[in-house]
N, C-alpha and C. Protein backbone atom coordinates (compact mmCIF):
# COMPACT_ATOMS: atom_id res chain seq x y z
N MET A 1 117.35 123.75 103.46
CA MET A 1 117.43 124.34 102.14
C MET A 1 118.06 123.31 101.21
N LYS A 2 117.56 123.24 99.99
CA LYS A 2 118.13 122.34 99.00
C LYS A 2 119.43 122.94 98.48
N ILE A 3 120.36 122.07 98.09
CA ILE A 3 121.67 122.50 97.62
C ILE A 3 121.54 123.44 96.43
N GLU A 4 120.64 123.13 95.50
CA GLU A 4 120.46 123.97 94.31
C GLU A 4 119.98 125.38 94.70
N ASP A 5 119.12 125.45 95.72
CA ASP A 5 118.63 126.75 96.19
C ASP A 5 119.74 127.55 96.87
N ALA A 6 120.57 126.87 97.64
CA ALA A 6 121.66 127.55 98.34
C ALA A 6 122.64 128.18 97.36
N LYS A 7 122.89 127.51 96.25
CA LYS A 7 123.84 128.03 95.25
C LYS A 7 123.36 129.30 94.57
N GLN A 8 122.10 129.65 94.75
CA GLN A 8 121.54 130.88 94.19
C GLN A 8 121.65 132.04 95.18
N LYS A 9 122.18 131.78 96.38
CA LYS A 9 122.28 132.80 97.43
C LYS A 9 123.68 133.41 97.45
N TRP A 10 123.74 134.62 97.93
CA TRP A 10 125.00 135.34 98.08
C TRP A 10 125.64 134.98 99.40
N CYS A 11 126.93 134.74 99.42
CA CYS A 11 127.66 134.45 100.65
C CYS A 11 128.35 135.72 101.14
N PRO A 12 127.97 136.24 102.31
CA PRO A 12 128.58 137.48 102.79
C PRO A 12 130.03 137.30 103.24
N PHE A 13 130.47 136.06 103.38
CA PHE A 13 131.84 135.79 103.81
C PHE A 13 132.82 135.66 102.64
N ALA A 14 132.31 135.47 101.43
CA ALA A 14 133.16 135.29 100.25
C ALA A 14 133.67 136.64 99.76
N ARG A 15 134.85 136.63 99.15
CA ARG A 15 135.46 137.85 98.59
C ARG A 15 136.06 137.53 97.24
N SER A 16 136.10 138.51 96.37
CA SER A 16 136.81 138.41 95.11
C SER A 16 137.53 139.73 94.88
N TYR A 17 138.35 139.80 93.85
CA TYR A 17 139.09 141.02 93.58
C TYR A 17 138.33 141.91 92.62
N ALA A 18 138.46 143.21 92.79
CA ALA A 18 137.78 144.18 91.95
C ALA A 18 138.25 144.11 90.50
N SER A 19 139.44 143.58 90.28
CA SER A 19 139.96 143.36 88.93
C SER A 19 140.78 142.07 88.97
N HIS A 20 141.40 141.73 87.87
CA HIS A 20 142.19 140.50 87.83
C HIS A 20 143.54 140.66 88.52
N ASP A 21 143.82 141.84 89.01
CA ASP A 21 145.07 142.13 89.71
C ASP A 21 144.89 141.79 91.19
N SER A 22 145.71 140.90 91.71
CA SER A 22 145.56 140.47 93.10
C SER A 22 145.85 141.58 94.11
N SER A 23 146.41 142.72 93.67
CA SER A 23 146.64 143.83 94.59
C SER A 23 145.43 144.77 94.63
N ALA A 24 144.40 144.47 93.85
CA ALA A 24 143.19 145.30 93.81
C ALA A 24 142.37 145.09 95.08
N ALA A 25 141.38 145.92 95.25
CA ALA A 25 140.52 145.85 96.43
C ALA A 25 139.73 144.54 96.46
N SER A 26 139.54 144.01 97.65
CA SER A 26 138.72 142.81 97.86
C SER A 26 137.27 143.24 98.01
N ILE A 27 136.38 142.64 97.21
CA ILE A 27 134.97 143.04 97.22
C ILE A 27 134.06 141.81 97.39
N ASN A 28 132.80 142.04 97.68
CA ASN A 28 131.83 140.96 97.65
C ASN A 28 130.55 141.38 96.95
N ARG A 29 130.52 142.57 96.37
CA ARG A 29 129.38 143.08 95.61
C ARG A 29 129.90 143.84 94.39
N GLU A 30 129.09 143.85 93.34
CA GLU A 30 129.40 144.67 92.17
C GLU A 30 129.05 146.13 92.50
N TRP A 31 129.42 147.06 91.62
CA TRP A 31 129.17 148.48 91.87
C TRP A 31 127.69 148.79 91.95
N ASP A 32 126.85 148.01 91.26
CA ASP A 32 125.41 148.26 91.29
C ASP A 32 124.72 147.57 92.48
N GLY A 33 125.48 146.91 93.33
CA GLY A 33 124.92 146.26 94.51
C GLY A 33 124.59 144.79 94.32
N SER A 34 124.68 144.29 93.10
CA SER A 34 124.40 142.87 92.87
C SER A 34 125.59 142.02 93.29
N PRO A 35 125.36 140.76 93.65
CA PRO A 35 126.46 139.90 94.08
C PRO A 35 127.46 139.66 92.95
N ASP A 36 128.73 139.64 93.29
CA ASP A 36 129.78 139.28 92.35
C ASP A 36 129.67 137.77 92.08
N ASN A 37 129.91 137.33 90.86
CA ASN A 37 129.78 135.91 90.53
C ASN A 37 130.63 135.01 91.42
N GLY A 38 131.77 135.48 91.85
CA GLY A 38 132.65 134.67 92.68
C GLY A 38 132.25 134.62 94.15
N THR A 39 131.14 135.25 94.51
CA THR A 39 130.76 135.31 95.93
C THR A 39 129.43 134.62 96.22
N MET A 40 129.03 133.71 95.34
CA MET A 40 127.80 132.96 95.58
C MET A 40 128.11 131.75 96.47
N CYS A 41 127.11 131.27 97.16
CA CYS A 41 127.25 130.10 98.04
C CYS A 41 127.71 128.89 97.23
N ILE A 42 128.63 128.12 97.78
CA ILE A 42 129.07 126.89 97.11
C ILE A 42 128.45 125.66 97.79
N ALA A 43 127.53 125.90 98.71
CA ALA A 43 126.70 124.86 99.35
C ALA A 43 127.52 123.70 99.90
N ASP A 44 127.27 122.50 99.43
CA ASP A 44 127.89 121.31 100.00
C ASP A 44 129.39 121.21 99.73
N ARG A 45 129.95 122.13 98.94
CA ARG A 45 131.40 122.17 98.73
C ARG A 45 132.09 123.03 99.78
N CYS A 46 131.31 123.70 100.64
CA CYS A 46 131.85 124.59 101.67
C CYS A 46 132.16 123.81 102.94
N MET A 47 133.25 124.16 103.58
CA MET A 47 133.65 123.51 104.82
C MET A 47 132.64 123.73 105.95
N ALA A 48 131.90 124.82 105.90
CA ALA A 48 130.94 125.15 106.96
C ALA A 48 129.54 124.57 106.71
N TRP A 49 129.30 123.96 105.56
CA TRP A 49 127.98 123.44 105.21
C TRP A 49 127.57 122.34 106.19
N ARG A 50 126.35 122.41 106.67
CA ARG A 50 125.81 121.40 107.58
C ARG A 50 124.69 120.65 106.87
N GLU A 51 124.87 119.36 106.75
CA GLU A 51 123.86 118.54 106.07
C GLU A 51 122.66 118.30 106.96
N LEU A 52 121.49 118.31 106.35
CA LEU A 52 120.26 117.92 107.04
C LEU A 52 119.90 116.54 106.52
N ARG A 53 119.65 115.61 107.44
CA ARG A 53 119.37 114.23 107.05
C ARG A 53 118.02 113.79 107.58
N ASP A 54 117.39 112.90 106.81
CA ASP A 54 116.14 112.27 107.21
C ASP A 54 116.33 110.77 107.02
N ASN A 55 116.40 110.04 108.12
CA ASN A 55 116.66 108.59 108.09
C ASN A 55 117.95 108.26 107.35
N GLY A 56 118.98 109.07 107.56
CA GLY A 56 120.29 108.83 106.96
C GLY A 56 120.44 109.33 105.54
N VAL A 57 119.40 109.88 104.96
CA VAL A 57 119.45 110.40 103.59
C VAL A 57 119.58 111.92 103.64
N VAL A 58 120.55 112.45 102.92
CA VAL A 58 120.76 113.91 102.87
C VAL A 58 119.57 114.55 102.15
N THR A 59 118.89 115.44 102.83
CA THR A 59 117.72 116.12 102.24
C THR A 59 118.00 117.58 101.94
N GLY A 60 119.12 118.10 102.38
CA GLY A 60 119.46 119.51 102.17
C GLY A 60 120.53 119.91 103.16
N GLY A 61 120.52 121.18 103.54
CA GLY A 61 121.52 121.65 104.47
C GLY A 61 121.35 123.12 104.76
N CYS A 62 122.34 123.65 105.47
CA CYS A 62 122.33 125.07 105.81
C CYS A 62 123.76 125.53 106.06
N CYS A 63 123.94 126.82 106.09
CA CYS A 63 125.25 127.40 106.38
C CYS A 63 125.52 127.31 107.86
N GLY A 64 126.61 126.67 108.22
CA GLY A 64 126.98 126.53 109.61
C GLY A 64 127.54 127.80 110.23
N LEU A 65 127.90 128.80 109.39
CA LEU A 65 128.47 130.04 109.91
C LEU A 65 127.41 131.01 110.43
N VAL A 66 126.17 130.86 109.98
CA VAL A 66 125.15 131.80 110.38
C VAL A 66 124.10 131.17 111.28
N LYS A 67 124.23 129.92 111.57
CA LYS A 67 123.25 129.26 112.40
C LYS A 67 123.71 129.20 113.83
């Protein structure tokens, strides 16, 4: 998967707060079921990201947590 495509995907492992109060509930979806902005894939910035290479050139990657 290309990095730009991965950033459009929802990460089921990410969490954000239901409000700006850190004592609020931890969520990963909005009330309507859409992904919360803070829970999208961060692709190559993620510690679990696995690069795919072709002759030493990075061509994309995948999530190492689900593979």
